[in-house]
Amino acid sequence: MERISVERGAALLLERVKPLARWEKISPAQAPGRVLWESVTAKLDTPPFDRSPLDGYALRSVDAVGAEPEKPARLVLGEAVGPGTAVPVSTGSPIPAGADCVVKVEDTRRDGDAVLVCIAPAHWENYVFRGEDMPVGRTIFPVGTRMDWTHVAALAAQGVTALAAAARPKVGVLPTGGELVPAGAPLPSSGIYDANGPMLCARLQALGMEPVAFPPVGDDAELLAGRVRAALAKCDFLLTTGGVSVGAEDAMPRAAELLGAEVLFHGLAVRPGSPAMAFLAEGKPVLALSGNPFASLAVFEAVGRPALEKLAGMEGALPGRMTLPLAEGLPASQVRRFIRAVRTPEGRVCPAAGGHSSGMVWSLAGCDCLIDRSPGPALEPGSPVPLLIL
């Protein structure tokens, strides 16, 4: 089995994936995690009038030239701004005509029917112009924007009730292995509960995809080929776990043959997850991952996630990368490895507590990144290491 680099595997899969040609109307509340199919353009000026950003007094700056606490400018309070007059305003309220600034209330003192202005305001100080935030006609968010909660306020300020978003890719998750049992079913002495299916479905949900869970299937190649074909009829992209190596009971390579699949790669130069395989069947991509939970997640993040984000219309939205120093050392490694890890408040990265076997699941809990460990000698604390951000 020829093993290629993770980057080459990701590129081979990525180049065979095209964004979905489907869209749907959603509400702003549903926007986080979605990708815009059509741009959003301002239909009204925001704010819709010149407004005050704070509580205070609207006035003409010329009427307070040279004002200071020991020598304040005395202005009469009125309902309109004119020479020698000021009008009380509150945060967000319209600025009355004639005013060219607002003085915050903390910089004033009341004196009967007048206000003492204790500073000399600048022209247009504390003055928010109509349309300053979003003028009519401005493209607020272009096509392809990946929305999150930070976009919602702008949509609400424009009175948007519906927007066009790219359809969420339907991503099938098909665990394989005769030993797997779904949660809630009786557990035989030789069985284990399926962790891969729920884990990947949860991750897909977090990434804005629509997971389609399929029950585990055994290690028979013909049965597996049939289940893969049936699953592909219900989804846009299929993830499988297990049965992908070269052992006697590893049925996925044979199932791919029975499907007449075009194999893109089989084997990656990384641990865990090296047996991973990608192929096209029924005109759709399949990423066959290792049966060990952490191995399946690591390769999914590095290879599968970029392809899925392209499918969802997130062109160029590759997983985040950064480099941080190690909080503790790492032993020497003969091969490239992904290591589950946590970023510390001090700006370092620490390997997760607990065992690091690819089949262990507890030590993944709480991780926010993977250390991308190149082959080489032991690394001392403080050594910079590249990270794949989860």
Protein backbone atom coordinates (compact mmCIF):
# COMPACT_ATOMS: atom_id res chain seq x y z
CA MET A 1 0.00 0.00 0.00
CA GLU A 2 1.65 3.23 -1.18
CA ARG A 3 1.27 5.95 1.41
CA ILE A 4 1.09 9.56 0.31
CA SER A 5 1.32 12.74 2.35
CA VAL A 6 -1.70 14.11 4.17
CA GLU A 7 -1.50 17.24 2.01
CA ARG A 8 -1.49 15.22 -1.20
CA GLY A 9 -4.44 13.13 -0.01
CA ALA A 10 -6.41 16.26 0.90
CA ALA A 11 -5.63 17.82 -2.49
CA LEU A 12 -6.69 14.71 -4.44
CA LEU A 13 -10.04 14.64 -2.67
CA LEU A 14 -10.50 18.40 -2.78
CA GLU A 15 -10.04 18.64 -6.54
CA ARG A 16 -12.80 16.09 -7.16
CA VAL A 17 -15.38 17.89 -5.02
CA LYS A 18 -17.63 20.63 -6.37
CA PRO A 19 -19.85 22.98 -4.33
CA LEU A 20 -23.47 21.89 -4.15
CA ALA A 21 -25.85 23.60 -6.56
CA ARG A 22 -28.64 23.83 -3.99
CA TRP A 23 -29.86 26.61 -1.74
CA GLU A 24 -32.65 27.37 0.69
CA LYS A 25 -34.21 30.28 2.55
CA ILE A 26 -33.27 30.59 6.20
CA SER A 27 -33.92 33.09 8.97
CA PRO A 28 -31.13 35.17 10.56
CA ALA A 29 -31.44 33.00 13.67
CA GLN A 30 -30.44 30.01 11.52
CA ALA A 31 -27.51 31.83 9.89
CA PRO A 32 -24.60 30.71 12.12
CA GLY A 33 -22.64 28.00 10.33
CA ARG A 34 -24.30 28.65 6.97
CA VAL A 35 -22.86 30.01 3.70
CA LEU A 36 -24.56 32.79 1.75
CA TRP A 37 -25.87 31.83 -1.67
CA GLU A 38 -26.74 35.44 -2.50
CA SER A 39 -25.12 38.62 -1.25
CA VAL A 40 -26.91 40.74 1.37
CA THR A 41 -27.24 44.42 0.41
CA ALA A 42 -28.33 47.26 2.67
CA LYS A 43 -31.91 48.26 1.87
CA LEU A 44 -31.94 51.19 4.27
CA ASP A 45 -29.48 53.54 5.92
CA THR A 46 -28.23 52.33 9.30
CA PRO A 47 -28.60 54.32 11.42
CA PRO A 48 -31.65 55.77 9.66
CA PHE A 49 -30.93 59.27 11.03
CA ASP A 50 -28.07 61.23 12.56
CA ARG A 51 -27.94 59.90 16.12
CA SER A 52 -26.21 60.38 19.42
CA PRO A 53 -23.93 57.59 20.67
CA LEU A 54 -24.38 58.63 24.32
CA ASP A 55 -26.43 60.55 26.87
CA GLY A 56 -25.64 64.25 26.87
CA TYR A 57 -26.41 67.53 25.11
CA ALA A 58 -26.52 68.41 21.40
CA LEU A 59 -25.13 71.83 20.59
CA ARG A 60 -23.05 73.90 18.21
CA SER A 61 -19.32 73.43 18.86
CA VAL A 62 -18.74 77.13 18.20
CA ASP A 63 -20.79 77.92 21.32
CA ALA A 64 -18.35 76.09 23.61
CA VAL A 65 -14.99 77.23 22.22
CA GLY A 66 -12.44 77.45 25.04
CA ALA A 67 -14.74 75.83 27.60
CA GLU A 68 -13.06 74.11 30.57
CA PRO A 69 -14.16 72.99 34.07
CA GLU A 70 -13.10 76.28 35.74
CA LYS A 71 -14.53 78.35 32.89
CA PRO A 72 -17.54 76.47 31.42
CA ALA A 73 -19.71 77.67 28.57
CA ARG A 74 -23.28 78.44 29.72
CA LEU A 75 -25.97 77.37 27.24
CA VAL A 76 -29.71 77.70 27.62
CA LEU A 77 -31.71 74.46 27.42
CA GLY A 78 -34.26 74.45 24.63
CA GLU A 79 -36.22 72.27 22.23
CA ALA A 80 -34.15 73.29 19.20
CA VAL A 81 -30.45 73.94 18.71
CA GLY A 82 -29.48 77.50 17.88
CA PRO A 83 -26.93 80.08 18.93
CA GLY A 84 -26.31 79.69 22.67
CA THR A 85 -28.73 76.79 23.15
CA ALA A 86 -28.41 73.04 23.80
CA VAL A 87 -30.87 70.16 23.64
CA PRO A 88 -30.72 67.05 25.90
CA VAL A 89 -30.25 63.78 23.95
CA SER A 90 -30.04 60.14 24.97
CA THR A 91 -28.09 57.23 23.53
CA GLY A 92 -29.49 56.33 20.12
CA SER A 93 -31.80 59.30 19.82
CA PRO A 94 -31.85 61.62 16.77
CA ILE A 95 -29.53 64.62 16.90
CA PRO A 96 -31.60 67.77 16.39
CA ALA A 97 -31.00 69.98 13.38
CA GLY A 98 -28.41 72.70 13.86
CA ALA A 99 -26.17 70.68 16.19
CA ASP A 100 -22.72 69.60 15.08
CA CYS A 101 -21.61 67.74 18.21
CA VAL A 102 -22.78 66.04 21.41
CA VAL A 103 -21.19 66.59 24.79
CA LYS A 104 -21.55 63.66 27.20
CA VAL A 105 -23.46 64.40 30.37
CA GLU A 106 -20.38 63.70 32.53
CA ASP A 107 -18.69 66.76 30.99
CA THR A 108 -21.52 69.11 31.97
CA ARG A 109 -23.28 70.56 35.02
CA ARG A 110 -26.89 71.67 35.27
CA ASP A 111 -27.60 75.24 36.32
CA GLY A 112 -31.34 75.76 36.47
CA ASP A 113 -32.66 76.12 32.93
CA ALA A 114 -29.14 76.09 31.53
CA VAL A 115 -26.29 73.62 31.16
CA LEU A 116 -22.65 74.37 31.89
CA VAL A 117 -20.39 72.74 29.29
CA CYS A 118 -16.99 72.00 30.85
CA ILE A 119 -15.05 70.99 27.72
CA ALA A 120 -14.52 72.45 24.26
CA PRO A 121 -16.02 69.82 21.89
CA ALA A 122 -14.64 69.28 18.42
CA HIS A 123 -16.72 69.72 15.28
CA TRP A 124 -18.74 66.47 14.75
CA GLU A 125 -17.57 65.00 18.08
CA ASN A 126 -19.87 62.20 19.31
CA TYR A 127 -21.93 62.57 16.15
CA VAL A 128 -23.03 59.42 14.28
CA PHE A 129 -24.16 60.20 10.75
CA ARG A 130 -27.10 58.63 8.98
CA GLY A 131 -25.89 55.56 7.07
CA GLU A 132 -22.47 55.67 8.76
CA ASP A 133 -22.72 51.98 9.69
CA MET A 134 -24.48 50.62 6.59
CA PRO A 135 -25.50 53.02 3.82
CA VAL A 136 -28.17 52.03 1.32
CA GLY A 137 -26.71 49.94 -1.49
CA ARG A 138 -23.61 48.70 0.33
CA THR A 139 -22.91 44.97 0.04
CA ILE A 140 -22.96 43.98 3.68
CA PHE A 141 -21.98 40.34 3.19
CA PRO A 142 -20.91 38.94 -0.20
CA VAL A 143 -21.79 35.57 -1.71
CA GLY A 144 -19.84 32.78 -0.02
CA THR A 145 -19.66 34.43 3.39
CA ARG A 146 -19.64 31.83 6.14
CA MET A 147 -22.03 33.24 8.69
CA ASP A 148 -21.63 33.08 12.45
CA TRP A 149 -23.32 34.77 15.39
CA THR A 150 -21.36 38.00 14.77
CA HIS A 151 -23.25 38.57 11.50
CA VAL A 152 -26.71 38.40 13.05
CA ALA A 153 -26.80 41.94 14.49
CA ALA A 154 -26.20 43.51 11.06
CA LEU A 155 -28.96 41.38 9.56
CA ALA A 156 -31.34 42.35 12.35
CA ALA A 157 -30.48 46.05 12.02
CA GLN A 158 -31.48 45.85 8.35
CA GLY A 159 -34.77 44.16 9.21
CA VAL A 160 -33.80 41.02 7.29
CA THR A 161 -36.23 38.17 7.91
CA ALA A 162 -34.96 35.68 5.32
CA LEU A 163 -31.80 35.11 3.32
CA ALA A 164 -30.57 32.61 0.75
CA ALA A 165 -28.03 30.11 2.05
CA ALA A 166 -26.25 27.23 0.38
CA ALA A 167 -27.87 23.95 1.29
CA ARG A 168 -26.07 22.05 4.01
CA PRO A 169 -24.27 19.03 2.58
CA LYS A 170 -25.83 15.74 3.60
CA VAL A 171 -22.91 13.70 4.90
CA GLY A 172 -23.47 10.03 5.53
CA VAL A 173 -21.66 8.27 8.38
CA LEU A 174 -21.39 4.49 8.02
CA PRO A 175 -19.39 2.60 10.68
CA THR A 176 -18.17 -0.87 9.74
CA GLY A 177 -17.20 -3.85 11.88
CA GLY A 178 -19.06 -6.92 13.06
CA GLU A 179 -18.20 -6.10 16.67
CA LEU A 180 -20.01 -2.72 16.67
CA VAL A 181 -23.27 -2.28 18.55
CA PRO A 182 -25.38 0.91 18.52
CA ALA A 183 -26.03 2.55 21.89
CA GLY A 184 -29.11 1.18 23.61
CA ALA A 185 -28.79 -2.32 22.15
CA PRO A 186 -27.72 -5.29 24.28
CA LEU A 187 -23.93 -5.61 24.35
CA PRO A 188 -22.61 -9.13 23.69
CA SER A 189 -19.38 -10.27 25.33
CA SER A 190 -17.39 -9.69 22.13
CA GLY A 191 -19.07 -6.41 21.18
CA ILE A 192 -18.28 -2.73 21.68
CA TYR A 193 -20.52 0.27 21.41
CA ASP A 194 -19.99 2.35 18.28
CA ALA A 195 -18.18 5.60 19.17
CA ASN A 196 -17.17 6.67 15.65
CA GLY A 197 -20.66 7.23 14.30
CA PRO A 198 -21.91 9.54 17.10
CA MET A 199 -18.55 11.36 17.27
CA LEU A 200 -18.43 12.15 13.55
CA CYS A 201 -22.11 13.08 13.42
CA ALA A 202 -21.57 15.54 16.28
CA ARG A 203 -18.53 17.00 14.56
CA LEU A 204 -20.40 17.39 11.28
CA GLN A 205 -23.22 19.15 13.09
CA ALA A 206 -20.73 21.58 14.64
CA LEU A 207 -19.26 22.31 11.20
CA GLY A 208 -22.65 23.20 9.74
CA MET A 209 -23.19 19.96 7.83
CA GLU A 210 -26.26 17.72 7.91
CA PRO A 211 -25.16 14.30 9.21
CA VAL A 212 -27.02 11.21 8.04
CA ALA A 213 -26.32 8.34 10.43
CA PHE A 214 -26.42 4.76 9.17
CA PRO A 215 -26.33 1.67 11.41
CA PRO A 216 -23.07 -0.29 11.60
CA VAL A 217 -22.47 -2.92 8.95
CA GLY A 218 -20.41 -6.12 9.25
CA ASP A 219 -17.21 -7.18 7.52
CA ASP A 220 -18.66 -8.77 4.37
CA ALA A 221 -17.47 -6.99 1.21
CA GLU A 222 -20.61 -7.63 -0.86
CA LEU A 223 -22.89 -6.54 1.97
CA LEU A 224 -20.72 -3.48 2.55
CA ALA A 225 -20.75 -2.53 -1.14
CA GLY A 226 -24.53 -2.69 -1.13
CA ARG A 227 -24.76 -0.55 1.99
CA VAL A 228 -22.36 2.02 0.58
CA ARG A 229 -24.39 2.23 -2.63
CA ALA A 230 -27.64 2.64 -0.66
CA ALA A 231 -26.08 5.28 1.60
CA LEU A 232 -24.78 7.30 -1.35
CA ALA A 233 -28.31 7.52 -2.71
CA LYS A 234 -29.23 9.49 0.44
CA CYS A 235 -26.25 11.78 0.87
CA ASP A 236 -23.74 14.00 -0.95
CA PHE A 237 -20.60 12.63 0.68
CA LEU A 238 -20.01 9.45 2.66
CA LEU A 239 -17.70 8.82 5.61
CA THR A 240 -17.03 5.24 6.64
CA THR A 241 -14.98 3.96 9.55
CA GLY A 242 -13.19 0.63 9.87
CA GLY A 243 -12.35 -2.22 7.50
CA VAL A 244 -9.99 -0.10 5.44
CA SER A 245 -6.61 -1.75 6.02
CA VAL A 246 -5.24 -4.87 4.33
CA GLY A 247 -6.23 -7.54 6.86
CA ALA A 248 -8.39 -10.55 6.02
CA GLU A 249 -11.47 -8.91 7.56
CA ASP A 250 -10.87 -5.46 6.08
CA ALA A 251 -13.67 -5.40 3.54
CA MET A 252 -13.62 -1.80 2.27
CA PRO A 253 -10.93 -2.18 -0.45
CA ARG A 254 -12.83 -5.15 -1.91
CA ALA A 255 -16.15 -3.30 -1.58
CA ALA A 256 -14.66 -0.42 -3.57
CA GLU A 257 -13.74 -2.87 -6.33
CA LEU A 258 -17.28 -4.28 -6.38
CA LEU A 259 -18.63 -0.74 -6.69
CA GLY A 260 -16.37 -0.03 -9.66
CA ALA A 261 -14.96 2.87 -7.67
CA GLU A 262 -12.22 5.24 -8.78
CA VAL A 263 -9.68 5.09 -5.97
CA LEU A 264 -8.03 8.44 -5.28
CA PHE A 265 -5.64 7.14 -2.64
CA HIS A 266 -5.23 4.30 -0.17
CA GLY A 267 -2.75 4.97 2.61
CA LEU A 268 -1.42 8.14 4.22
CA ALA A 269 2.04 8.76 5.64
CA VAL A 270 0.80 9.68 9.12
CA ARG A 271 -0.21 8.07 12.37
CA PRO A 272 -2.78 7.42 13.49
CA GLY A 273 -5.06 6.87 10.49
CA SER A 274 -2.54 5.68 7.90
CA PRO A 275 -4.89 3.09 6.23
CA ALA A 276 -7.37 5.79 5.16
CA MET A 277 -8.79 5.52 1.66
CA ALA A 278 -10.72 7.86 -0.63
CA PHE A 279 -12.66 6.93 -3.74
CA LEU A 280 -15.50 8.00 -6.01
CA ALA A 281 -18.54 5.74 -6.31
CA GLU A 282 -21.93 6.48 -7.83
CA GLY A 283 -20.44 9.83 -8.79
CA LYS A 284 -19.92 10.84 -5.16
CA PRO A 285 -16.90 10.99 -2.83
CA VAL A 286 -16.30 8.44 -0.10
CA LEU A 287 -13.67 8.88 2.61
CA ALA A 288 -13.00 5.58 4.35
CA LEU A 289 -11.38 6.19 7.73
CA SER A 290 -9.69 3.94 10.24
CA GLY A 291 -11.86 2.17 12.79
CA ASN A 292 -9.98 3.63 15.77
CA PRO A 293 -11.86 6.72 16.98
CA PHE A 294 -8.97 9.16 17.25
CA ALA A 295 -7.45 7.92 14.00
CA SER A 296 -10.74 8.51 12.19
CA LEU A 297 -11.11 12.01 13.65
CA ALA A 298 -7.55 13.11 12.89
CA VAL A 299 -7.74 12.16 9.21
CA PHE A 300 -11.25 13.56 8.95
CA GLU A 301 -10.00 16.95 10.18
CA ALA A 302 -6.92 17.04 7.94
CA VAL A 303 -8.33 15.45 4.77
CA GLY A 304 -12.12 15.27 4.93
CA ARG A 305 -12.98 18.65 6.40
CA PRO A 306 -11.47 20.76 3.57
CA ALA A 307 -13.44 18.76 0.98
CA LEU A 308 -16.67 19.09 2.94
CA GLU A 309 -16.22 22.82 3.39
CA LYS A 310 -15.71 23.19 -0.36
CA LEU A 311 -18.86 21.11 -0.89
CA ALA A 312 -20.69 23.56 1.39
CA GLY A 313 -19.47 26.53 -0.65
CA MET A 314 -16.74 27.59 1.78
CA GLU A 315 -14.03 27.99 -0.84
CA GLY A 316 -10.63 28.26 0.79
CA ALA A 317 -12.03 27.66 4.28
CA LEU A 318 -9.33 25.21 5.27
CA PRO A 319 -8.88 24.12 8.89
CA GLY A 320 -7.07 26.74 10.95
CA ARG A 321 -3.33 26.39 11.43
CA MET A 322 -1.05 28.09 13.93
CA THR A 323 2.24 27.48 15.72
CA LEU A 324 2.70 27.53 19.50
CA PRO A 325 5.49 26.51 21.87
CA LEU A 326 5.18 23.23 23.77
CA ALA A 327 4.28 23.39 27.44
CA GLU A 328 6.08 20.08 27.92
CA GLY A 329 8.46 18.00 25.85
CA LEU A 330 7.64 15.30 23.31
CA PRO A 331 9.60 12.08 22.72
CA ALA A 332 11.35 11.33 19.44
CA SER A 333 9.19 10.05 16.59
CA GLN A 334 10.07 8.03 13.52
CA VAL A 335 6.90 9.07 11.69
CA ARG A 336 4.59 12.05 11.32
CA ARG A 337 1.94 12.00 14.05
CA PHE A 338 -1.20 13.84 15.05
CA ILE A 339 -1.37 14.30 18.83
CA ARG A 340 -4.51 15.47 20.62
CA ALA A 341 -3.75 18.61 22.61
CA VAL A 342 -5.03 21.67 24.45
CA ARG A 343 -3.94 25.29 24.14
CA THR A 344 -3.14 26.87 27.51
CA PRO A 345 -4.05 30.39 28.71
CA GLU A 346 -0.32 31.17 28.65
CA GLY A 347 -0.17 30.71 24.88
CA ARG A 348 1.41 27.26 24.87
CA VAL A 349 0.16 23.86 23.81
CA CYS A 350 0.01 20.80 26.01
CA PRO A 351 -0.61 17.19 24.94
CA ALA A 352 -3.90 15.95 26.35
CA ALA A 353 -3.91 14.07 29.64
CA GLY A 354 -4.49 10.32 29.49
CA GLY A 355 -3.40 7.71 26.98
CA HIS A 356 -2.65 8.53 23.36
CA SER A 357 -3.55 5.22 21.77
CA SER A 358 -5.64 5.79 18.64
CA GLY A 359 -8.43 3.67 20.11
CA MET A 360 -8.78 5.72 23.31
CA VAL A 361 -11.66 8.17 23.45
CA TRP A 362 -11.63 9.82 26.89
CA SER A 363 -8.40 11.75 26.30
CA LEU A 364 -9.97 13.50 23.30
CA ALA A 365 -12.54 15.25 25.50
CA GLY A 366 -11.79 18.95 25.83
CA CYS A 367 -9.11 19.03 23.12
CA ASP A 368 -9.12 22.11 20.89
CA CYS A 369 -6.25 21.26 18.53
CA LEU A 370 -3.98 18.55 17.17
CA ILE A 371 -0.20 18.80 17.29
CA ASP A 372 1.16 18.02 13.82
CA ARG A 373 4.36 16.28 14.92
CA SER A 374 7.00 15.83 12.21
CA PRO A 375 9.45 12.91 12.38
CA GLY A 376 12.54 13.80 14.38
CA PRO A 377 14.34 13.80 17.72
CA ALA A 378 12.78 14.57 21.07
CA LEU A 379 11.39 18.09 21.49
CA GLU A 380 12.11 20.18 24.57
CA PRO A 381 9.51 22.35 26.36
CA GLY A 382 9.22 25.65 24.49
CA SER A 383 9.86 24.09 21.08
CA PRO A 384 7.45 25.53 18.46
CA VAL A 385 5.07 23.01 16.92
CA PRO A 386 2.43 23.41 14.18
CA LEU A 387 -1.19 22.88 15.20
CA LEU A 388 -4.38 21.91 13.41
CA ILE A 389 -7.17 23.84 15.12
CA LEU A 390 -10.37 21.89 15.84
